């Protein structure tokens, strides 16, 4: 569907230069210590995510806290006990976000103009897929501590259920560089087709503005889809067609600013397993439907 505000999008993109765009940080899915392996499909005790033993939560607000000056809402899923490393990673991420949010809040005694304003931090962790090999979680939300606009939050966690650890995208492949190049080519072409379908037409802006829109769009897309580890640090495994079915592929997640202007929001690309199957580690070949 075409946008109802093409002129606004032209202005937004034309005003931006790619070098000023914020790029995503390193993935939150850092490998953790190996826990007991899980048996896919088997029942296990369910535990709510708890704070890691070595994490200090002293002085932090709760996951649902509202005062005159701020509101915090954090939603975490319950997980099987044998997925504790994943629960711990989400718990640590939420606590770090709360800590950073509290530190970023303006002091109303120093800035009386915000004394009656309530700032917000909203985080939602949801299970995106559970397959025999993986549990994928997506983290979405925003943090508003007084900037020009809320800071969007986009992150993901992929848990290897058999190894009992979190993995990065590179962990899936024998040749990560070659795999990222294949993913990058697919993502670039898919997003280019999507953006061009919504490109401003003659009459929806001046020729100069339309040219600027296309030039900036192409540059941001090229930069944001380069096959670097950072550009492909946020991903999820797609759910299978049945609870015990292998995954049909990956979802690549590009946070706002990475491949397009802020007004376009988060962009995702669903990649079929056939695109990267030849690069999979032997132990992961059966995890995807080829």
Protein backbone atom coordinates (compact mmCIF):
# COMPACT_ATOMS: atom_id res chain seq x y z
CA UNK A 1 0.00 0.00 0.00
CA UNK A 2 1.31 3.43 -0.91
CA UNK A 3 1.97 5.93 1.84
CA UNK A 4 -0.61 8.67 2.34
CA UNK A 5 2.15 11.15 3.21
CA UNK A 6 4.79 10.87 0.44
CA UNK A 7 5.80 14.53 0.67
CA UNK A 8 6.58 14.17 4.39
CA UNK A 9 8.71 11.11 3.65
CA UNK A 10 10.54 12.95 0.87
CA UNK A 11 11.37 15.76 3.27
CA UNK A 12 12.44 13.37 6.00
CA UNK A 13 14.85 11.48 3.79
CA UNK A 14 16.11 14.46 1.84
CA UNK A 15 17.00 16.22 5.08
CA UNK A 16 19.10 13.31 6.32
CA UNK A 17 22.63 12.36 5.37
CA UNK A 18 23.61 8.71 5.68
CA UNK A 19 26.69 9.43 7.78
CA UNK A 20 24.49 10.92 10.47
CA UNK A 21 22.29 7.88 10.79
CA UNK A 22 22.51 5.83 13.92
CA UNK A 23 23.61 2.26 13.38
CA UNK A 24 22.61 -0.64 15.63
CA UNK A 25 24.90 -1.71 18.42
CA UNK A 26 26.36 -5.16 18.85
CA UNK A 27 23.87 -7.95 19.33
CA UNK A 28 22.45 -8.64 22.79
CA UNK A 29 22.63 -12.33 21.99
CA UNK A 30 26.06 -12.83 23.50
CA UNK A 31 27.02 -16.41 24.15
CA UNK A 32 26.56 -17.41 27.78
CA UNK A 33 27.74 -20.34 29.84
CA UNK A 34 26.36 -23.66 28.70
CA UNK A 35 23.40 -24.91 30.72
CA UNK A 36 21.88 -28.41 30.75
CA UNK A 37 20.56 -29.30 27.33
CA UNK A 38 16.82 -29.23 26.75
CA UNK A 39 14.70 -31.85 25.08
CA UNK A 40 12.46 -30.18 22.49
CA UNK A 41 8.81 -30.90 23.07
CA UNK A 42 9.34 -32.23 26.59
CA UNK A 43 7.66 -30.54 29.52
CA UNK A 44 9.83 -28.70 32.00
CA UNK A 45 9.25 -26.56 35.07
CA UNK A 46 8.36 -23.02 34.09
CA UNK A 47 10.08 -20.18 35.88
CA UNK A 48 9.73 -16.43 35.53
CA UNK A 49 12.89 -14.61 34.41
CA UNK A 50 14.96 -13.79 37.48
CA UNK A 51 17.87 -11.45 37.95
CA UNK A 52 21.28 -13.11 37.51
CA UNK A 53 23.05 -13.76 40.80
CA UNK A 54 25.89 -11.39 39.86
CA UNK A 55 23.61 -8.54 38.76
CA UNK A 56 22.92 -5.67 41.14
CA UNK A 57 19.35 -4.43 41.10
CA UNK A 58 19.67 -2.28 44.21
CA UNK A 59 17.83 0.98 43.80
CA UNK A 60 16.18 0.01 40.52
CA UNK A 61 12.42 0.47 40.10
CA UNK A 62 10.30 -2.60 39.50
CA UNK A 63 9.25 -3.80 36.07
CA UNK A 64 5.97 -1.91 36.42
CA UNK A 65 6.51 1.39 38.18
CA UNK A 66 4.70 4.70 37.85
CA UNK A 67 5.50 7.97 39.60
CA UNK A 68 4.80 11.60 38.87
CA UNK A 69 7.98 11.82 36.81
CA UNK A 70 8.30 8.46 35.05
CA UNK A 71 6.56 5.28 33.97
CA UNK A 72 8.30 1.95 33.46
CA UNK A 73 6.62 -1.07 31.92
CA UNK A 74 8.65 -4.21 31.24
CA UNK A 75 7.02 -7.46 30.12
CA UNK A 76 9.03 -10.68 30.23
CA UNK A 77 7.84 -14.16 29.25
CA UNK A 78 8.06 -17.18 31.51
CA UNK A 79 10.45 -19.83 30.22
CA UNK A 80 11.29 -23.47 30.99
CA UNK A 81 13.90 -23.93 33.70
CA UNK A 82 16.36 -25.37 31.17
CA UNK A 83 16.31 -22.05 29.29
CA UNK A 84 17.63 -20.10 32.26
CA UNK A 85 20.52 -18.53 30.29
CA UNK A 86 17.93 -16.92 28.01
CA UNK A 87 15.84 -15.75 30.97
CA UNK A 88 18.97 -14.32 32.60
CA UNK A 89 19.94 -12.46 29.43
CA UNK A 90 16.53 -10.84 29.16
CA UNK A 91 16.53 -9.98 32.86
CA UNK A 92 19.96 -8.36 32.60
CA UNK A 93 18.95 -6.45 29.48
CA UNK A 94 15.81 -5.11 31.15
CA UNK A 95 17.70 -4.07 34.28
CA UNK A 96 20.43 -2.34 32.28
CA UNK A 97 17.76 -0.47 30.31
CA UNK A 98 16.06 0.65 33.52
CA UNK A 99 19.38 1.79 34.96
CA UNK A 100 20.22 3.82 31.84
CA UNK A 101 16.72 5.29 31.73
CA UNK A 102 16.86 6.45 35.34
CA UNK A 103 20.28 8.02 34.76
CA UNK A 104 18.99 9.84 31.67
CA UNK A 105 15.96 11.38 33.34
CA UNK A 106 16.21 15.17 33.62
CA UNK A 107 16.23 16.61 37.12
CA UNK A 108 13.05 18.70 37.57
CA UNK A 109 14.81 20.86 40.15
CA UNK A 110 17.36 21.81 37.49
CA UNK A 111 14.84 21.87 34.62
CA UNK A 112 11.53 23.14 36.02
CA UNK A 113 9.99 23.12 32.54
CA UNK A 114 9.76 19.29 32.73
CA UNK A 115 8.48 19.18 36.31
CA UNK A 116 4.99 18.17 35.16
CA UNK A 117 6.08 15.84 32.38
CA UNK A 118 6.10 12.07 32.79
CA UNK A 119 8.82 10.21 30.90
CA UNK A 120 8.41 6.60 29.81
CA UNK A 121 10.35 3.42 29.19
CA UNK A 122 8.39 0.54 27.68
CA UNK A 123 9.95 -2.85 26.90
CA UNK A 124 8.17 -5.94 25.65
CA UNK A 125 9.96 -9.28 25.33
CA UNK A 126 7.93 -11.82 23.34
CA UNK A 127 8.69 -15.34 22.18
CA UNK A 128 8.83 -15.07 18.40
CA UNK A 129 9.34 -18.76 17.71
CA UNK A 130 9.97 -22.07 19.40
CA UNK A 131 11.31 -24.84 17.20
CA UNK A 132 12.97 -28.15 18.11
CA UNK A 133 16.36 -26.43 17.83
CA UNK A 134 15.75 -22.80 18.88
CA UNK A 135 13.81 -20.38 21.01
CA UNK A 136 13.71 -16.88 19.54
CA UNK A 137 12.69 -13.79 21.50
CA UNK A 138 12.11 -10.30 20.13
CA UNK A 139 12.47 -7.22 22.31
CA UNK A 140 10.60 -4.10 21.22
CA UNK A 141 9.74 -0.85 22.90
CA UNK A 142 10.85 2.71 23.39
CA UNK A 143 12.55 5.07 25.81
CA UNK A 144 11.46 8.68 26.17
CA UNK A 145 13.73 10.69 28.41
CA UNK A 146 13.16 14.08 26.82
CA UNK A 147 14.76 13.82 23.39
CA UNK A 148 13.37 15.06 20.10
CA UNK A 149 11.44 11.83 19.81
CA UNK A 150 11.34 8.52 21.72
CA UNK A 151 14.28 6.20 21.17
CA UNK A 152 13.01 2.95 19.63
CA UNK A 153 14.20 -0.36 21.04
CA UNK A 154 14.76 -3.35 18.76
CA UNK A 155 16.69 -6.42 19.87
CA UNK A 156 16.47 -10.18 19.61
CA UNK A 157 17.76 -13.28 21.37
CA UNK A 158 18.25 -16.70 19.79
CA UNK A 159 18.72 -19.63 22.16
CA UNK A 160 20.15 -22.98 21.04
CA UNK A 161 17.95 -25.38 22.99
CA UNK A 162 20.23 -28.38 22.61
CA UNK A 163 23.49 -26.62 23.47
CA UNK A 164 21.77 -24.56 26.19
CA UNK A 165 23.27 -21.25 25.13
CA UNK A 166 22.54 -18.02 23.30
CA UNK A 167 23.99 -17.74 19.82
CA UNK A 168 24.85 -15.01 17.34
CA UNK A 169 24.14 -15.14 13.61
CA UNK A 170 27.75 -16.09 12.86
CA UNK A 171 27.46 -19.13 15.13
CA UNK A 172 25.07 -20.72 12.63
CA UNK A 173 27.59 -20.86 9.79
CA UNK A 174 30.79 -22.56 8.75
CA UNK A 175 31.71 -19.49 6.69
CA UNK A 176 30.01 -16.50 8.38
CA UNK A 177 31.41 -13.94 5.92
CA UNK A 178 30.02 -15.80 2.91
CA UNK A 179 26.69 -16.37 4.66
CA UNK A 180 26.37 -12.67 5.53
CA UNK A 181 27.06 -11.74 1.91
CA UNK A 182 24.25 -14.02 0.75
CA UNK A 183 21.90 -12.59 3.38
CA UNK A 184 22.96 -9.05 2.49
CA UNK A 185 22.22 -9.54 -1.21
CA UNK A 186 18.79 -10.97 -0.43
CA UNK A 187 17.95 -8.25 2.11
CA UNK A 188 19.11 -5.41 -0.15
CA UNK A 189 17.04 -6.62 -3.10
CA UNK A 190 13.92 -7.25 -0.98
CA UNK A 191 14.06 -3.83 0.69
CA UNK A 192 14.87 -2.02 -2.55
CA UNK A 193 11.78 -3.52 -4.16
CA UNK A 194 9.69 -2.50 -1.15
CA UNK A 195 10.98 1.08 -1.01
CA UNK A 196 10.72 1.64 -4.75
CA UNK A 197 7.10 0.46 -4.71
CA UNK A 198 6.40 3.35 -2.35
CA UNK A 199 8.67 5.87 -4.08
CA UNK A 200 7.26 9.37 -4.65
CA UNK A 201 5.85 9.87 -8.12
CA UNK A 202 6.14 12.98 -10.30
CA UNK A 203 3.91 15.66 -8.83
CA UNK A 204 4.35 14.44 -5.24
CA UNK A 205 7.30 16.77 -4.78
CA UNK A 206 9.76 18.84 -6.75
CA UNK A 207 12.14 16.98 -9.10
CA UNK A 208 15.02 18.01 -6.83
CA UNK A 209 13.28 16.62 -3.73
CA UNK A 210 12.37 13.37 -5.46
CA UNK A 211 15.95 12.96 -6.72
CA UNK A 212 17.21 13.63 -3.19
CA UNK A 213 14.79 11.06 -1.77
CA UNK A 214 16.03 8.37 -4.13
CA UNK A 215 19.69 9.24 -3.67
CA UNK A 216 19.48 9.17 0.13
CA UNK A 217 17.33 6.04 0.13
CA UNK A 218 19.83 4.15 -2.02
CA UNK A 219 22.78 5.28 0.11
CA UNK A 220 21.13 4.39 3.42
CA UNK A 221 20.03 1.03 2.06
CA UNK A 222 23.51 0.25 0.73
CA UNK A 223 25.17 1.21 4.02
CA UNK A 224 22.61 -0.51 6.23
CA UNK A 225 22.71 -3.82 4.38
CA UNK A 226 26.48 -4.16 4.07
CA UNK A 227 27.46 -7.67 5.22
CA UNK A 228 28.98 -6.58 8.54
CA UNK A 229 28.44 -8.28 11.89
CA UNK A 230 26.81 -5.15 13.31
CA UNK A 231 24.31 -4.81 10.46
CA UNK A 232 23.17 -8.40 10.94
CA UNK A 233 23.33 -8.61 14.72
CA UNK A 234 19.55 -8.53 15.22
CA UNK A 235 17.77 -11.58 13.86
CA UNK A 236 15.26 -14.24 14.81
CA UNK A 237 14.59 -17.81 13.76
CA UNK A 238 11.20 -18.15 12.08
CA UNK A 239 8.62 -20.58 13.50
CA UNK A 240 7.89 -23.82 11.69
CA UNK A 241 4.55 -24.84 10.26
CA UNK A 242 3.95 -27.13 13.25
CA UNK A 243 5.29 -27.20 16.84
CA UNK A 244 7.92 -29.83 16.04
CA UNK A 245 8.68 -28.69 12.50
CA UNK A 246 12.04 -27.21 11.51
CA UNK A 247 12.31 -23.50 10.83
CA UNK A 248 11.70 -22.25 7.28
CA UNK A 249 14.36 -19.55 7.67
CA UNK A 250 15.43 -16.36 9.42
CA UNK A 251 13.94 -12.94 10.04
CA UNK A 252 16.50 -10.15 9.65
CA UNK A 253 15.62 -7.11 11.75
CA UNK A 254 16.81 -3.62 10.85
CA UNK A 255 16.07 -1.01 13.55
CA UNK A 256 14.99 2.54 12.64
CA UNK A 257 17.76 4.60 11.00
CA UNK A 258 19.69 1.56 9.76
CA UNK A 259 18.30 1.15 6.25
CA UNK A 260 15.78 4.02 6.01
CA UNK A 261 14.68 7.24 7.67
CA UNK A 262 13.12 7.17 11.13
CA UNK A 263 9.61 7.61 9.71
CA UNK A 264 9.85 4.18 8.06
CA UNK A 265 10.35 2.47 11.41
CA UNK A 266 11.78 -1.00 11.85
CA UNK A 267 12.27 -3.04 8.68
CA UNK A 268 12.24 -6.83 8.58
CA UNK A 269 13.16 -9.30 5.85
CA UNK A 270 12.13 -12.94 5.94
CA UNK A 271 14.85 -15.06 4.37
CA UNK A 272 14.12 -18.63 3.25
CA UNK A 273 16.58 -21.25 4.42
CA UNK A 274 17.56 -22.01 0.83
CA UNK A 275 19.45 -18.69 0.73
CA UNK A 276 21.92 -19.71 3.45
CA UNK A 277 21.62 -23.51 3.70
CA UNK A 278 24.98 -24.20 2.05
CA UNK A 279 26.78 -22.23 4.78
CA UNK A 280 25.14 -23.87 7.83
CA UNK A 281 27.17 -25.69 10.43
CA UNK A 282 26.57 -29.46 10.11
CA UNK A 283 24.79 -29.51 13.46
CA UNK A 284 22.26 -26.92 12.27
CA UNK A 285 21.35 -28.38 8.88
CA UNK A 286 18.46 -30.34 10.35
CA UNK A 287 17.17 -27.28 12.19
CA UNK A 288 15.92 -25.66 8.97
CA UNK A 289 13.47 -26.88 6.35
CA UNK A 290 15.37 -27.01 3.06
